[in-house]
C-alpha atoms as a PDB file:
ATOM      1  CA  UNK A   1      90.008 -47.238-168.797  1.00  0.00           C
ATOM      2  CA  UNK A   2      92.952 -46.327-166.038  1.00  0.00           C
ATOM      3  CA  UNK A   3      95.358 -49.361-165.478  1.00  0.00           C
ATOM      4  CA  UNK A   4      95.653 -50.341-162.153  1.00  0.00           C
ATOM      5  CA  UNK A   5      98.755 -48.914-160.416  1.00  0.00           C
ATOM      6  CA  UNK A   6     100.723 -51.705-158.245  1.00  0.00           C
ATOM      7  CA  UNK A   7     103.018 -48.989-155.904  1.00  0.00           C
ATOM      8  CA  UNK A   8     101.091 -45.837-156.223  1.00  0.00           C
ATOM      9  CA  UNK A   9     102.822 -43.051-153.934  1.00  0.00           C
ATOM     10  CA  UNK A  10     100.085 -40.684-152.695  1.00  0.00           C
ATOM     11  CA  UNK A  11     101.454 -37.494-150.721  1.00  0.00           C
ATOM     12  CA  UNK A  12      98.729 -35.591-148.486  1.00  0.00           C
ATOM     13  CA  UNK A  13      98.882 -32.080-149.273  1.00  0.00           C
ATOM     14  CA  UNK A  14      97.466 -31.826-145.357  1.00  0.00           C
ATOM     15  CA  UNK A  15      98.852 -31.512-141.808  1.00  0.00           C
ATOM     16  CA  UNK A  16      95.657 -31.942-140.377  1.00  0.00           C
ATOM     17  CA  UNK A  17      95.160 -35.699-137.861  1.00  0.00           C
ATOM     18  CA  UNK A  18      92.082 -35.941-138.765  1.00  0.00           C
ATOM     19  CA  UNK A  19      92.402 -36.279-142.484  1.00  0.00           C
ATOM     20  CA  UNK A  20      95.483 -38.699-141.810  1.00  0.00           C
ATOM     21  CA  UNK A  21      92.741 -41.012-139.895  1.00  0.00           C
ATOM     22  CA  UNK A  22      90.190 -40.465-142.510  1.00  0.00           C
ATOM     23  CA  UNK A  23      91.760 -41.661-145.199  1.00  0.00           C
ATOM     24  CA  UNK A  24      93.324 -44.901-143.005  1.00  0.00           C
ATOM     25  CA  UNK A  25      89.971 -45.919-143.124  1.00  0.00           C
ATOM     26  CA  UNK A  26      89.922 -46.356-146.904  1.00  0.00           C
ATOM     27  CA  UNK A  27      93.200 -48.740-145.876  1.00  0.00           C
ATOM     28  CA  UNK A  28      95.706 -46.151-147.727  1.00  0.00           C
ATOM     29  CA  UNK A  29      98.939 -44.835-145.761  1.00  0.00           C
ATOM     30  CA  UNK A  30     100.143 -41.807-147.742  1.00  0.00           C
ATOM     31  CA  UNK A  31     103.978 -42.268-148.190  1.00  0.00           C
ATOM     32  CA  UNK A  32     104.048 -38.297-147.089  1.00  0.00           C
ATOM     33  CA  UNK A  33     102.528 -35.942-145.546  1.00  0.00           C
ATOM     34  CA  UNK A  34     103.557 -32.391-147.570  1.00  0.00           C
ATOM     35  CA  UNK A  35     101.278 -29.456-145.669  1.00  0.00           C
ATOM     36  CA  UNK A  36     100.530 -26.311-148.408  1.00  0.00           C
ATOM     37  CA  UNK A  37     101.319 -23.366-147.572  1.00  0.00           C
ATOM     38  CA  UNK A  38      99.152 -21.363-149.558  1.00  0.00           C
ATOM     39  CA  UNK A  39      96.670 -17.946-149.072  1.00  0.00           C
ATOM     40  CA  UNK A  40      93.526 -18.880-148.018  1.00  0.00           C
ATOM     41  CA  UNK A  41      92.160 -15.878-148.139  1.00  0.00           C
ATOM     42  CA  UNK A  42      88.579 -15.466-150.212  1.00  0.00           C
ATOM     43  CA  UNK A  43      88.348 -13.494-152.845  1.00  0.00           C
ATOM     44  CA  UNK A  44      85.858 -10.562-152.841  1.00  0.00           C
ATOM     45  CA  UNK A  45      82.438 -11.758-153.361  1.00  0.00           C
ATOM     46  CA  UNK A  46      83.659 -15.337-153.557  1.00  0.00           C
ATOM     47  CA  UNK A  47      81.178 -18.067-152.669  1.00  0.00           C
ATOM     48  CA  UNK A  48      81.581 -20.826-150.475  1.00  0.00           C
ATOM     49  CA  UNK A  49      81.544 -23.623-152.778  1.00  0.00           C
ATOM     50  CA  UNK A  50      84.036 -21.599-155.226  1.00  0.00           C
ATOM     51  CA  UNK A  51      86.429 -21.311-152.429  1.00  0.00           C
ATOM     52  CA  UNK A  52      85.944 -24.722-151.480  1.00  0.00           C
ATOM     53  CA  UNK A  53      86.979 -25.858-154.850  1.00  0.00           C
ATOM     54  CA  UNK A  54      89.601 -23.485-154.868  1.00  0.00           C
ATOM     55  CA  UNK A  55      91.328 -23.867-151.865  1.00  0.00           C
ATOM     56  CA  UNK A  56      91.524 -28.133-152.326  1.00  0.00           C
ATOM     57  CA  UNK A  57      92.874 -27.359-155.613  1.00  0.00           C
ATOM     58  CA  UNK A  58      95.141 -24.858-154.933  1.00  0.00           C
ATOM     59  CA  UNK A  59      96.572 -26.959-152.189  1.00  0.00           C
ATOM     60  CA  UNK A  60      97.271 -29.965-154.356  1.00  0.00           C
ATOM     61  CA  UNK A  61      99.028 -27.638-157.170  1.00  0.00           C
ATOM     62  CA  UNK A  62     101.055 -26.050-154.643  1.00  0.00           C
ATOM     63  CA  UNK A  63     103.053 -29.549-154.062  1.00  0.00           C
ATOM     64  CA  UNK A  64     105.786 -30.860-156.214  1.00  0.00           C
ATOM     65  CA  UNK A  65     104.359 -34.075-157.439  1.00  0.00           C
ATOM     66  CA  UNK A  66     107.796 -35.326-157.724  1.00  0.00           C
ATOM     67  CA  UNK A  67     106.371 -38.689-159.727  1.00  0.00           C
ATOM     68  CA  UNK A  68     103.232 -39.478-157.309  1.00  0.00           C
ATOM     69  CA  UNK A  69      99.883 -38.409-156.488  1.00  0.00           C
ATOM     70  CA  UNK A  70      98.969 -35.585-154.626  1.00  0.00           C
ATOM     71  CA  UNK A  71      95.502 -35.362-152.596  1.00  0.00           C
ATOM     72  CA  UNK A  72      94.588 -32.657-151.084  1.00  0.00           C
ATOM     73  CA  UNK A  73      90.683 -31.310-149.484  1.00  0.00           C
ATOM     74  CA  UNK A  74      89.329 -28.296-147.545  1.00  0.00           C
ATOM     75  CA  UNK A  75      86.504 -27.244-145.281  1.00  0.00           C
ATOM     76  CA  UNK A  76      84.386 -24.733-145.331  1.00  0.00           C
ATOM     77  CA  UNK A  77      81.520 -24.175-143.118  1.00  0.00           C
ATOM     78  CA  UNK A  78      78.796 -21.423-144.492  1.00  0.00           C
ATOM     79  CA  UNK A  79      75.821 -19.721-143.237  1.00  0.00           C
ATOM     80  CA  UNK A  80      74.293 -18.657-146.109  1.00  0.00           C
ATOM     81  CA  UNK A  81      76.789 -16.683-148.277  1.00  0.00           C
ATOM     82  CA  UNK A  82      78.889 -16.014-145.597  1.00  0.00           C
ATOM     83  CA  UNK A  83      82.198 -18.337-144.976  1.00  0.00           C
ATOM     84  CA  UNK A  84      83.006 -19.156-141.517  1.00  0.00           C
ATOM     85  CA  UNK A  85      86.278 -18.388-140.240  1.00  0.00           C
ATOM     86  CA  UNK A  86      88.762 -21.244-139.062  1.00  0.00           C
ATOM     87  CA  UNK A  87      88.314 -19.919-135.096  1.00  0.00           C
ATOM     88  CA  UNK A  88      91.560 -18.967-133.608  1.00  0.00           C
ATOM     89  CA  UNK A  89      90.079 -17.350-130.964  1.00  0.00           C
ATOM     90  CA  UNK A  90      87.723 -17.976-128.195  1.00  0.00           C
ATOM     91  CA  UNK A  91      85.835 -15.203-128.940  1.00  0.00           C
ATOM     92  CA  UNK A  92      85.659 -15.895-132.780  1.00  0.00           C
ATOM     93  CA  UNK A  93      84.501 -19.450-131.611  1.00  0.00           C
ATOM     94  CA  UNK A  94      81.768 -17.782-129.824  1.00  0.00           C
ATOM     95  CA  UNK A  95      80.573 -15.747-131.758  1.00  0.00           C
ATOM     96  CA  UNK A  96      80.270 -18.586-135.005  1.00  0.00           C
ATOM     97  CA  UNK A  97      78.644 -20.881-132.595  1.00  0.00           C
ATOM     98  CA  UNK A  98      75.948 -17.937-131.236  1.00  0.00           C
ATOM     99  CA  UNK A  99      75.256 -17.482-135.562  1.00  0.00           C
ATOM    100  CA  UNK A 100      75.041 -21.044-135.935  1.00  0.00           C
ATOM    101  CA  UNK A 101      72.644 -22.254-132.798  1.00  0.00           C
ATOM    102  CA  UNK A 102      69.329 -23.335-134.067  1.00  0.00           C
ATOM    103  CA  UNK A 103      70.078 -23.240-137.932  1.00  0.00           C
ATOM    104  CA  UNK A 104      70.991 -25.442-140.814  1.00  0.00           C
ATOM    105  CA  UNK A 105      74.513 -24.170-142.217  1.00  0.00           C
ATOM    106  CA  UNK A 106      76.169 -25.911-144.755  1.00  0.00           C
ATOM    107  CA  UNK A 107      79.426 -27.407-144.811  1.00  0.00           C
ATOM    108  CA  UNK A 108      81.319 -28.131-148.083  1.00  0.00           C
ATOM    109  CA  UNK A 109      84.239 -30.162-148.431  1.00  0.00           C
ATOM    110  CA  UNK A 110      86.165 -30.319-151.828  1.00  0.00           C
ATOM    111  CA  UNK A 111      89.083 -32.336-152.233  1.00  0.00           C
ATOM    112  CA  UNK A 112      91.541 -32.456-155.087  1.00  0.00           C
ATOM    113  CA  UNK A 113      94.287 -35.364-156.381  1.00  0.00           C
ATOM    114  CA  UNK A 114      96.634 -34.364-158.510  1.00  0.00           C
ATOM    115  CA  UNK A 115      98.275 -36.823-161.013  1.00  0.00           C
ATOM    116  CA  UNK A 116     101.547 -37.298-161.318  1.00  0.00           C
ATOM    117  CA  UNK A 117     101.483 -36.405-165.045  1.00  0.00           C
ATOM    118  CA  UNK A 118      99.740 -32.813-163.346  1.00  0.00           C
ATOM    119  CA  UNK A 119      96.545 -33.799-164.326  1.00  0.00           C
ATOM    120  CA  UNK A 120      93.701 -32.674-161.477  1.00  0.00           C
ATOM    121  CA  UNK A 121      90.604 -34.242-160.717  1.00  0.00           C
ATOM    122  CA  UNK A 122      88.270 -32.550-158.266  1.00  0.00           C
ATOM    123  CA  UNK A 123      85.046 -33.532-155.961  1.00  0.00           C
ATOM    124  CA  UNK A 124      82.883 -31.448-153.768  1.00  0.00           C
ATOM    125  CA  UNK A 125      80.668 -32.769-150.956  1.00  0.00           C
ATOM    126  CA  UNK A 126      77.891 -31.122-149.931  1.00  0.00           C
ATOM    127  CA  UNK A 127      76.765 -31.620-146.480  1.00  0.00           C
ATOM    128  CA  UNK A 128      73.319 -29.549-144.333  1.00  0.00           C
ATOM    129  CA  UNK A 129      73.955 -30.136-140.663  1.00  0.00           C
ATOM    130  CA  UNK A 130      71.862 -27.982-137.610  1.00  0.00           C
ATOM    131  CA  UNK A 131      72.497 -27.473-133.985  1.00  0.00           C
ATOM    132  CA  UNK A 132      69.819 -27.712-131.738  1.00  0.00           C
ATOM    133  CA  UNK A 133      69.406 -24.078-130.097  1.00  0.00           C
ATOM    134  CA  UNK A 134      72.664 -23.626-127.925  1.00  0.00           C
ATOM    135  CA  UNK A 135      72.133 -21.965-124.403  1.00  0.00           C
ATOM    136  CA  UNK A 136      74.317 -19.999-123.214  1.00  0.00           C
ATOM    137  CA  UNK A 137      75.538 -22.309-121.028  1.00  0.00           C
ATOM    138  CA  UNK A 138      76.132 -24.919-123.590  1.00  0.00           C
ATOM    139  CA  UNK A 139      78.372 -22.183-125.308  1.00  0.00           C
ATOM    140  CA  UNK A 140      79.978 -21.824-122.687  1.00  0.00           C
ATOM    141  CA  UNK A 141      81.247 -25.001-121.526  1.00  0.00           C
ATOM    142  CA  UNK A 142      82.207 -25.927-125.875  1.00  0.00           C
ATOM    143  CA  UNK A 143      84.623 -22.674-125.675  1.00  0.00           C
ATOM    144  CA  UNK A 144      85.798 -23.977-122.541  1.00  0.00           C
ATOM    145  CA  UNK A 145      86.770 -27.812-123.856  1.00  0.00           C
ATOM    146  CA  UNK A 146      88.720 -26.071-126.614  1.00  0.00           C
ATOM    147  CA  UNK A 147      87.468 -27.981-129.340  1.00  0.00           C
ATOM    148  CA  UNK A 148      87.293 -25.045-131.522  1.00  0.00           C
ATOM    149  CA  UNK A 149      90.702 -23.591-131.834  1.00  0.00           C
ATOM    150  CA  UNK A 150      91.558 -23.962-135.741  1.00  0.00           C
ATOM    151  CA  UNK A 151      88.194 -25.421-136.308  1.00  0.00           C
ATOM    152  CA  UNK A 152      86.346 -24.140-139.872  1.00  0.00           C
ATOM    153  CA  UNK A 153      83.042 -22.783-137.678  1.00  0.00           C
ATOM    154  CA  UNK A 154      84.059 -22.700-134.107  1.00  0.00           C
ATOM    155  CA  UNK A 155      83.266 -26.593-133.790  1.00  0.00           C
ATOM    156  CA  UNK A 156      84.509 -30.153-134.339  1.00  0.00           C
ATOM    157  CA  UNK A 157      81.700 -32.757-134.792  1.00  0.00           C
ATOM    158  CA  UNK A 158      83.489 -35.946-133.968  1.00  0.00           C
ATOM    159  CA  UNK A 159      84.144 -33.915-130.753  1.00  0.00           C
ATOM    160  CA  UNK A 160      81.449 -33.092-128.076  1.00  0.00           C
ATOM    161  CA  UNK A 161      79.679 -30.917-130.710  1.00  0.00           C
ATOM    162  CA  UNK A 162      78.079 -34.407-131.757  1.00  0.00           C
ATOM    163  CA  UNK A 163      76.210 -33.925-129.102  1.00  0.00           C
ATOM    164  CA  UNK A 164      75.050 -30.491-129.762  1.00  0.00           C
ATOM    165  CA  UNK A 165      73.821 -31.430-133.608  1.00  0.00           C
ATOM    166  CA  UNK A 166      69.871 -31.902-134.104  1.00  0.00           C
ATOM    167  CA  UNK A 167      70.601 -33.860-137.566  1.00  0.00           C
ATOM    168  CA  UNK A 168      72.611 -33.871-140.173  1.00  0.00           C
ATOM    169  CA  UNK A 169      72.145 -34.875-143.957  1.00  0.00           C
ATOM    170  CA  UNK A 170      75.268 -35.856-145.812  1.00  0.00           C
ATOM    171  CA  UNK A 171      79.038 -36.954-145.233  1.00  0.00           C
ATOM    172  CA  UNK A 172      80.038 -36.600-142.215  1.00  0.00           C
ATOM    173  CA  UNK A 173      83.324 -37.873-142.893  1.00  0.00           C
ATOM    174  CA  UNK A 174      83.178 -34.660-145.156  1.00  0.00           C
ATOM    175  CA  UNK A 175      82.113 -32.362-142.277  1.00  0.00           C
ATOM    176  CA  UNK A 176      85.209 -34.252-140.226  1.00  0.00           C
ATOM    177  CA  UNK A 177      87.306 -32.693-142.952  1.00  0.00           C
ATOM    178  CA  UNK A 178      87.648 -35.470-146.088  1.00  0.00           C
ATOM    179  CA  UNK A 179      84.879 -36.673-147.882  1.00  0.00           C
ATOM    180  CA  UNK A 180      85.436 -40.353-148.164  1.00  0.00           C
ATOM    181  CA  UNK A 181      82.756 -41.233-150.008  1.00  0.00           C
ATOM    182  CA  UNK A 182      84.389 -38.262-153.035  1.00  0.00           C
ATOM    183  CA  UNK A 183      87.677 -39.515-152.283  1.00  0.00           C
ATOM    184  CA  UNK A 184      87.511 -43.074-152.666  1.00  0.00           C
ATOM    185  CA  UNK A 185      85.650 -42.724-156.363  1.00  0.00           C
ATOM    186  CA  UNK A 186      88.625 -40.364-156.963  1.00  0.00           C
ATOM    187  CA  UNK A 187      91.785 -42.989-155.824  1.00  0.00           C
ATOM    188  CA  UNK A 188      89.800 -46.017-157.392  1.00  0.00           C
ATOM    189  CA  UNK A 189      89.610 -44.168-160.874  1.00  0.00           C
ATOM    190  CA  UNK A 190      93.122 -43.555-160.615  1.00  0.00           C
ATOM    191  CA  UNK A 191      93.608 -47.199-159.918  1.00  0.00           C
ATOM    192  CA  UNK A 192      94.355 -47.099-156.273  1.00  0.00           C
ATOM    193  CA  UNK A 193      93.347 -50.456-155.018  1.00  0.00           C
ATOM    194  CA  UNK A 194      90.659 -49.913-152.657  1.00  0.00           C
ATOM    195  CA  UNK A 195      87.922 -52.525-151.251  1.00  0.00           C
END
């Protein structure tokens, strides 16, 4: 059993404001933010679950520890074995929403914690999400709002897309970008004081 750490320093390996907001819900304020700059291209025939885990690991490993803990995460939206992109333009966002309309998909959210000694621990959250059947007008309105920009699968569940989701089974915070149950378990096992 790891002894409690009095004042651990945690570096968040992400520039995502959503991840910072989520980790704050656990009462943790990162000592620093250091986004990892890695190649996020999926490997040939890589399945979504493996891709999410690999991305979280590689992000944690890319940041020098300097005696700190490094926390990283990655969220992947998958339709079957297909990994949907982080949408960079309206066309790709529209294609994602048309694909997801009226069907279930999986959101895989991996989190990795690198210890000061280089030890790496990780967890994965899997959530099933189903959009209602989207009309062309609903897709157009969502695209016009711009929430899709840079989002895996072309949507942000914490925004207006939540009103288009018929049901969700799993971790809401995992779909947003950091599964809090899994993150809390990793941090507690590392000795962080979390209520």
